[in-house]
C-alpha atoms as a PDB file:
ATOM      1  CA  MET A   1     -18.991  -2.915 -45.278  1.00  0.00           C
ATOM      2  CA  ALA A   2     -22.740  -2.971 -44.667  1.00  0.00           C
ATOM      3  CA  TYR A   3     -24.628   0.207 -45.484  1.00  0.00           C
ATOM      4  CA  GLU A   4     -25.695   2.192 -42.425  1.00  0.00           C
ATOM      5  CA  SER A   5     -28.595   4.580 -42.832  1.00  0.00           C
ATOM      6  CA  LYS A   6     -28.317   8.138 -41.563  1.00  0.00           C
ATOM      7  CA  ALA A   7     -30.960   7.437 -38.938  1.00  0.00           C
ATOM      8  CA  VAL A   8     -29.071   4.407 -37.601  1.00  0.00           C
ATOM      9  CA  ALA A   9     -25.823   6.364 -37.627  1.00  0.00           C
ATOM     10  CA  ARG A  10     -27.412   9.199 -35.660  1.00  0.00           C
ATOM     11  CA  ARG A  11     -28.794   6.781 -33.080  1.00  0.00           C
ATOM     12  CA  ARG A  12     -25.423   5.079 -32.698  1.00  0.00           C
ATOM     13  CA  LYS A  13     -23.651   8.436 -32.373  1.00  0.00           C
ATOM     14  CA  LEU A  14     -26.116   9.601 -29.728  1.00  0.00           C
ATOM     15  CA  LYS A  15     -25.826   6.356 -27.779  1.00  0.00           C
ATOM     16  CA  ASP A  16     -22.013   6.578 -27.827  1.00  0.00           C
ATOM     17  CA  ALA A  17     -22.204  10.186 -26.643  1.00  0.00           C
ATOM     18  CA  LEU A  18     -24.581   9.250 -23.824  1.00  0.00           C
ATOM     19  CA  ILE A  19     -22.345   6.398 -22.661  1.00  0.00           C
ATOM     20  CA  ALA A  20     -19.308   8.695 -22.704  1.00  0.00           C
ATOM     21  CA  ALA A  21     -21.174  11.378 -20.754  1.00  0.00           C
ATOM     22  CA  ALA A  22     -22.488   8.816 -18.266  1.00  0.00           C
ATOM     23  CA  GLU A  23     -18.979   7.425 -17.824  1.00  0.00           C
ATOM     24  CA  ARG A  24     -17.565  10.867 -17.022  1.00  0.00           C
ATOM     25  CA  THR A  25     -20.382  11.528 -14.582  1.00  0.00           C
ATOM     26  CA  ILE A  26     -20.048   8.209 -12.758  1.00  0.00           C
ATOM     27  CA  ALA A  27     -16.244   8.506 -12.621  1.00  0.00           C
ATOM     28  CA  ALA A  28     -16.577  11.906 -10.952  1.00  0.00           C
ATOM     29  CA  GLU A  29     -19.716  11.582  -8.828  1.00  0.00           C
ATOM     30  CA  GLY A  30     -20.782   7.958  -8.762  1.00  0.00           C
ATOM     31  CA  LEU A  31     -24.315   6.799  -9.511  1.00  0.00           C
ATOM     32  CA  ARG A  32     -25.920   9.600  -7.507  1.00  0.00           C
ATOM     33  CA  GLY A  33     -24.780  12.120 -10.117  1.00  0.00           C
ATOM     34  CA  LEU A  34     -26.430  10.337 -13.039  1.00  0.00           C
ATOM     35  CA  LYS A  35     -29.580  12.233 -14.060  1.00  0.00           C
ATOM     36  CA  ALA A  36     -31.381  12.011 -17.396  1.00  0.00           C
ATOM     37  CA  ARG A  37     -31.913  15.760 -17.713  1.00  0.00           C
ATOM     38  CA  GLU A  38     -28.266  16.550 -17.046  1.00  0.00           C
ATOM     39  CA  LEU A  39     -27.121  13.862 -19.475  1.00  0.00           C
ATOM     40  CA  ALA A  40     -29.373  15.303 -22.179  1.00  0.00           C
ATOM     41  CA  TYR A  41     -27.929  18.771 -21.577  1.00  0.00           C
ATOM     42  CA  LYS A  42     -24.351  17.475 -21.770  1.00  0.00           C
ATOM     43  CA  VAL A  43     -24.846  15.739 -25.124  1.00  0.00           C
ATOM     44  CA  GLY A  44     -27.201  18.361 -26.553  1.00  0.00           C
ATOM     45  CA  CYS A  45     -30.371  16.336 -26.992  1.00  0.00           C
ATOM     46  CA  ALA A  46     -33.891  16.287 -25.593  1.00  0.00           C
ATOM     47  CA  VAL A  47     -34.547  14.109 -22.549  1.00  0.00           C
ATOM     48  CA  GLY A  48     -36.974  11.988 -24.560  1.00  0.00           C
ATOM     49  CA  ALA A  49     -34.286  11.294 -27.163  1.00  0.00           C
ATOM     50  CA  ILE A  50     -32.337   9.298 -24.574  1.00  0.00           C
ATOM     51  CA  TYR A  51     -35.062   6.684 -24.484  1.00  0.00           C
ATOM     52  CA  ASN A  52     -34.983   6.330 -28.244  1.00  0.00           C
ATOM     53  CA  VAL A  53     -31.529   4.734 -28.014  1.00  0.00           C
ATOM     54  CA  VAL A  54     -31.600   3.033 -24.575  1.00  0.00           C
ATOM     55  CA  THR A  55     -34.394   1.506 -22.550  1.00  0.00           C
ATOM     56  CA  ASP A  56     -33.537   3.435 -19.396  1.00  0.00           C
ATOM     57  CA  LEU A  57     -30.616   4.733 -17.329  1.00  0.00           C
ATOM     58  CA  ASP A  58     -29.900   1.181 -16.172  1.00  0.00           C
ATOM     59  CA  ASP A  59     -28.771   0.367 -19.715  1.00  0.00           C
ATOM     60  CA  LEU A  60     -26.279   3.242 -19.573  1.00  0.00           C
ATOM     61  CA  ILE A  61     -25.057   2.128 -16.159  1.00  0.00           C
ATOM     62  CA  PHE A  62     -24.445  -1.396 -17.454  1.00  0.00           C
ATOM     63  CA  ALA A  63     -22.509   0.042 -20.397  1.00  0.00           C
ATOM     64  CA  VAL A  64     -20.328   2.158 -18.105  1.00  0.00           C
ATOM     65  CA  ASN A  65     -19.842  -0.655 -15.607  1.00  0.00           C
ATOM     66  CA  ALA A  66     -18.758  -2.919 -18.464  1.00  0.00           C
ATOM     67  CA  LEU A  67     -16.057  -0.367 -19.311  1.00  0.00           C
ATOM     68  CA  THR A  68     -15.017  -0.354 -15.658  1.00  0.00           C
ATOM     69  CA  LEU A  69     -14.745  -4.152 -15.713  1.00  0.00           C
ATOM     70  CA  GLU A  70     -12.526  -3.870 -18.796  1.00  0.00           C
ATOM     71  CA  GLN A  71     -10.247  -1.458 -16.960  1.00  0.00           C
ATOM     72  CA  LEU A  72     -10.159  -3.725 -13.939  1.00  0.00           C
ATOM     73  CA  GLU A  73      -9.373  -6.754 -16.075  1.00  0.00           C
ATOM     74  CA  LYS A  74      -6.414  -4.957 -17.653  1.00  0.00           C
ATOM     75  CA  THR A  75      -5.193  -4.085 -14.175  1.00  0.00           C
ATOM     76  CA  LEU A  76      -5.458  -7.703 -13.036  1.00  0.00           C
ATOM     77  CA  THR A  77      -3.771  -8.945 -16.208  1.00  0.00           C
ATOM     78  CA  ILE A  78      -0.756  -6.745 -15.545  1.00  0.00           C
ATOM     79  CA  ALA A  79      -0.701  -7.695 -11.868  1.00  0.00           C
ATOM     80  CA  GLY A  80      -0.936 -11.452 -12.276  1.00  0.00           C
ATOM     81  CA  HIS A  81       0.866 -12.163 -15.537  1.00  0.00           C
ATOM     82  CA  PRO A  82       4.548 -11.910 -14.525  1.00  0.00           C
ATOM     83  CA  GLN A  83       4.126 -13.900 -11.350  1.00  0.00           C
ATOM     84  CA  THR A  84       5.127 -17.557 -11.384  1.00  0.00           C
ATOM     85  CA  ASP A  85       4.729 -18.051  -7.645  1.00  0.00           C
ATOM     86  CA  PRO A  86       0.994 -18.513  -6.948  1.00  0.00           C
ATOM     87  CA  VAL A  87       1.128 -16.945  -3.478  1.00  0.00           C
ATOM     88  CA  LYS A  88       2.769 -13.820  -4.884  1.00  0.00           C
ATOM     89  CA  ALA A  89       0.342 -13.829  -7.799  1.00  0.00           C
ATOM     90  CA  LEU A  90      -2.677 -13.845  -5.484  1.00  0.00           C
ATOM     91  CA  THR A  91      -1.135 -11.112  -3.343  1.00  0.00           C
ATOM     92  CA  HIS A  92      -0.435  -8.940  -6.379  1.00  0.00           C
ATOM     93  CA  LEU A  93      -3.995  -9.464  -7.613  1.00  0.00           C
ATOM     94  CA  GLY A  94      -5.378  -8.406  -4.243  1.00  0.00           C
ATOM     95  CA  LEU A  95      -3.192  -5.307  -4.173  1.00  0.00           C
ATOM     96  CA  ALA A  96      -4.070  -4.420  -7.763  1.00  0.00           C
ATOM     97  CA  TYR A  97      -7.759  -4.604  -6.879  1.00  0.00           C
ATOM     98  CA  THR A  98      -7.158  -2.455  -3.810  1.00  0.00           C
ATOM     99  CA  ASP A  99      -5.231   0.167  -5.771  1.00  0.00           C
ATOM    100  CA  TYR A 100      -7.861   0.343  -8.499  1.00  0.00           C
ATOM    101  CA  ALA A 101     -10.649   0.811  -5.964  1.00  0.00           C
ATOM    102  CA  ALA A 102      -8.713   3.567  -4.203  1.00  0.00           C
ATOM    103  CA  ALA A 103      -7.841   5.373  -7.438  1.00  0.00           C
ATOM    104  CA  HIS A 104     -11.289   5.084  -9.067  1.00  0.00           C
ATOM    105  CA  THR A 105     -13.611   4.852  -6.079  1.00  0.00           C
ATOM    106  CA  PRO A 106     -16.815   6.356  -7.566  1.00  0.00           C
ATOM    107  CA  ARG A 107     -16.853   4.148 -10.678  1.00  0.00           C
ATOM    108  CA  TRP A 108     -15.674   1.122  -8.683  1.00  0.00           C
ATOM    109  CA  ARG A 109     -18.515   1.623  -6.212  1.00  0.00           C
ATOM    110  CA  ALA A 110     -20.951   1.859  -9.122  1.00  0.00           C
ATOM    111  CA  LEU A 111     -20.243  -1.813  -9.878  1.00  0.00           C
ATOM    112  CA  PHE A 112     -21.804  -2.771  -6.548  1.00  0.00           C
ATOM    113  CA  ASP A 113     -24.187   0.096  -5.777  1.00  0.00           C
ATOM    114  CA  HIS A 114     -26.265  -0.406  -8.916  1.00  0.00           C
ATOM    115  CA  ARG A 115     -29.653  -1.926  -8.080  1.00  0.00           C
ATOM    116  CA  LEU A 116     -32.161  -3.074 -10.676  1.00  0.00           C
ATOM    117  CA  PRO A 117     -35.929  -2.804 -10.296  1.00  0.00           C
ATOM    118  CA  GLU A 118     -37.572  -5.918  -8.903  1.00  0.00           C
ATOM    119  CA  GLY A 119     -38.111  -8.539 -11.567  1.00  0.00           C
ATOM    120  CA  ARG A 120     -35.420  -7.326 -13.941  1.00  0.00           C
ATOM    121  CA  GLU A 121     -32.427  -9.598 -14.427  1.00  0.00           C
ATOM    122  CA  ILE A 122     -28.795  -8.685 -15.029  1.00  0.00           C
ATOM    123  CA  PRO A 123     -27.903  -9.153 -18.735  1.00  0.00           C
ATOM    124  CA  THR A 124     -26.089 -12.399 -19.481  1.00  0.00           C
ATOM    125  CA  TRP A 125     -23.363 -10.584 -21.441  1.00  0.00           C
ATOM    126  CA  TYR A 126     -22.613  -8.451 -18.391  1.00  0.00           C
ATOM    127  CA  MET A 127     -22.452 -11.472 -16.071  1.00  0.00           C
ATOM    128  CA  ALA A 128     -20.014 -13.129 -18.497  1.00  0.00           C
ATOM    129  CA  ASN A 129     -17.741 -10.091 -18.285  1.00  0.00           C
ATOM    130  CA  LEU A 130     -17.925 -10.171 -14.507  1.00  0.00           C
ATOM    131  CA  HIS A 131     -17.239 -13.888 -14.167  1.00  0.00           C
ATOM    132  CA  ARG A 132     -14.206 -13.610 -16.442  1.00  0.00           C
ATOM    133  CA  LEU A 133     -12.407 -11.696 -13.704  1.00  0.00           C
ATOM    134  CA  PHE A 134     -12.501 -14.698 -11.374  1.00  0.00           C
ATOM    135  CA  VAL A 135     -10.328 -16.671 -13.799  1.00  0.00           C
ATOM    136  CA  TYR A 136      -7.375 -14.546 -12.711  1.00  0.00           C
ATOM    137  CA  ILE A 137      -7.842 -15.838  -9.179  1.00  0.00           C
ATOM    138  CA  GLU A 138      -8.590 -19.421 -10.180  1.00  0.00           C
ATOM    139  CA  GLU A 139      -5.322 -19.902 -12.064  1.00  0.00           C
ATOM    140  CA  PRO A 140      -2.944 -19.423  -9.089  1.00  0.00           C
ATOM    141  CA  LEU A 141      -5.384 -21.420  -6.955  1.00  0.00           C
ATOM    142  CA  ARG A 142      -5.025 -24.276  -9.436  1.00  0.00           C
ATOM    143  CA  LYS A 143      -1.258 -24.189  -8.919  1.00  0.00           C
ATOM    144  CA  LEU A 144      -1.624 -24.102  -5.144  1.00  0.00           C
ATOM    145  CA  ALA A 145      -4.118 -26.982  -4.986  1.00  0.00           C
ATOM    146  CA  PRO A 146      -3.982 -28.947  -8.259  1.00  0.00           C
ATOM    147  CA  ALA A 147      -6.159 -31.758  -6.904  1.00  0.00           C
ATOM    148  CA  MET A 148      -9.047 -29.437  -6.094  1.00  0.00           C
ATOM    149  CA  MET A 149     -12.150 -29.925  -8.225  1.00  0.00           C
ATOM    150  CA  PRO A 150     -12.837 -27.063 -10.672  1.00  0.00           C
ATOM    151  CA  ALA A 151     -16.238 -26.260  -9.149  1.00  0.00           C
ATOM    152  CA  ARG A 152     -14.744 -25.978  -5.685  1.00  0.00           C
ATOM    153  CA  ARG A 153     -11.864 -23.878  -7.017  1.00  0.00           C
ATOM    154  CA  ALA A 154     -14.310 -21.507  -8.709  1.00  0.00           C
ATOM    155  CA  LEU A 155     -16.223 -21.141  -5.441  1.00  0.00           C
ATOM    156  CA  LEU A 156     -13.018 -20.540  -3.520  1.00  0.00           C
ATOM    157  CA  ALA A 157     -11.978 -17.844  -5.993  1.00  0.00           C
ATOM    158  CA  ARG A 158     -15.232 -16.007  -5.323  1.00  0.00           C
ATOM    159  CA  SER A 159     -14.777 -16.413  -1.587  1.00  0.00           C
ATOM    160  CA  MET A 160     -11.263 -14.966  -1.731  1.00  0.00           C
ATOM    161  CA  PHE A 161     -12.527 -12.084  -3.831  1.00  0.00           C
ATOM    162  CA  SER A 162     -15.282 -11.444  -1.296  1.00  0.00           C
ATOM    163  CA  ALA A 163     -12.731 -11.374   1.520  1.00  0.00           C
ATOM    164  CA  VAL A 164     -10.534  -8.825  -0.262  1.00  0.00           C
ATOM    165  CA  HIS A 165     -13.534  -6.804  -1.404  1.00  0.00           C
ATOM    166  CA  GLY A 166     -14.889  -6.660   2.133  1.00  0.00           C
ATOM    167  CA  MET A 167     -11.590  -5.366   3.477  1.00  0.00           C
ATOM    168  CA  VAL A 168     -11.320  -2.782   0.725  1.00  0.00           C
ATOM    169  CA  ILE A 169     -14.851  -1.476   0.967  1.00  0.00           C
ATOM    170  CA  ILE A 170     -14.589  -1.097   4.748  1.00  0.00           C
ATOM    171  CA  GLY A 171     -11.085   0.348   4.543  1.00  0.00           C
ATOM    172  CA  LEU A 172     -12.144   3.003   2.043  1.00  0.00           C
ATOM    173  CA  GLU A 173     -15.378   3.866   3.825  1.00  0.00           C
ATOM    174  CA  GLU A 174     -14.761   6.936   5.966  1.00  0.00           C
ATOM    175  CA  LYS A 175     -17.862   6.331   8.102  1.00  0.00           C
ATOM    176  CA  LEU A 176     -16.786   2.852   9.181  1.00  0.00           C
ATOM    177  CA  GLN A 177     -13.056   2.240   9.453  1.00  0.00           C
ATOM    178  CA  HIS A 178     -11.175   4.378   6.981  1.00  0.00           C
ATOM    179  CA  LEU A 179      -7.586   3.218   6.572  1.00  0.00           C
ATOM    180  CA  PRO A 180      -4.723   5.016   4.816  1.00  0.00           C
ATOM    181  CA  LEU A 181      -3.952   3.207   1.578  1.00  0.00           C
ATOM    182  CA  PRO A 182      -0.523   1.912   2.746  1.00  0.00           C
ATOM    183  CA  VAL A 183      -2.152   0.380   5.822  1.00  0.00           C
ATOM    184  CA  LEU A 184      -4.976  -1.116   3.767  1.00  0.00           C
ATOM    185  CA  ARG A 185      -2.481  -2.606   1.311  1.00  0.00           C
ATOM    186  CA  GLU A 186      -0.525  -4.111   4.187  1.00  0.00           C
ATOM    187  CA  GLN A 187      -3.630  -5.702   5.659  1.00  0.00           C
ATOM    188  CA  VAL A 188      -4.723  -7.112   2.294  1.00  0.00           C
ATOM    189  CA  THR A 189      -1.250  -8.574   1.815  1.00  0.00           C
ATOM    190  CA  VAL A 190      -1.330 -10.251   5.236  1.00  0.00           C
ATOM    191  CA  MET A 191      -4.789 -11.723   4.689  1.00  0.00           C
ATOM    192  CA  VAL A 192      -4.241 -13.000   1.137  1.00  0.00           C
ATOM    193  CA  THR A 193      -0.819 -14.423   1.965  1.00  0.00           C
ATOM    194  CA  ALA A 194      -2.196 -16.261   4.980  1.00  0.00           C
ATOM    195  CA  LEU A 195      -5.068 -17.766   2.975  1.00  0.00           C
ATOM    196  CA  ALA A 196      -2.787 -18.785   0.124  1.00  0.00           C
ATOM    197  CA  ARG A 197      -0.171 -20.354   2.384  1.00  0.00           C
ATOM    198  CA  GLY A 198      -2.909 -22.207   4.220  1.00  0.00           C
ATOM    199  CA  LEU A 199      -3.930 -23.803   0.916  1.00  0.00           C
ATOM    200  CA  THR A 200      -0.308 -24.735   0.261  1.00  0.00           C
ATOM    201  CA  GLN A 201      -0.071 -26.484   3.626  1.00  0.00           C
ATOM    202  CA  ASP A 202      -3.354 -28.321   3.075  1.00  0.00           C
ATOM    203  CA  ALA A 203      -2.181 -29.494  -0.348  1.00  0.00           C
ATOM    204  CA  GLY A 204       0.991 -30.875   1.177  1.00  0.00           C
ATOM    205  CA  LYS A 205      -0.798 -33.081   3.695  1.00  0.00           C
END
């Protein structure tokens, strides 16, 4: 095991504590609750010490959002794995996404509410984590339309995700068209099933 100096260990410990505190804050209040001064108070450090271990609060948000993506991926893995029928698999994936968003709304919203300053790009490692989620949609699509080119299938997976995401975000938004979760789940099921069966019919022509 490589030797770790006390200074490096302290920095790592502080960074871990900041990520944990940021995760609790975002899970409870969303991005609006994330403030440097409050984070420093929660972990027992000076505000300036935060910027000794991360560049800015955006770095902490990416770290927390990466943890959220891990949770979401586990949810999708459980939802899609036992399904051999691709239509049912896609439906279960859509419902799993809906249920996660409803149960963890503040941290789920943080995935999409986070905005970077102009000129700053999203880290490649974070984009890789995000794109990995689409594989769970692409696999049943491959079974539904085996002749479809991979690039087109990847695009379709993102389009289907966007359709479900749009329904969920509007359904959970009280100011627009808030829907009780059972009703939202029913509507997601109808939409995903219709899209999937449409692909099945097209493949059979």
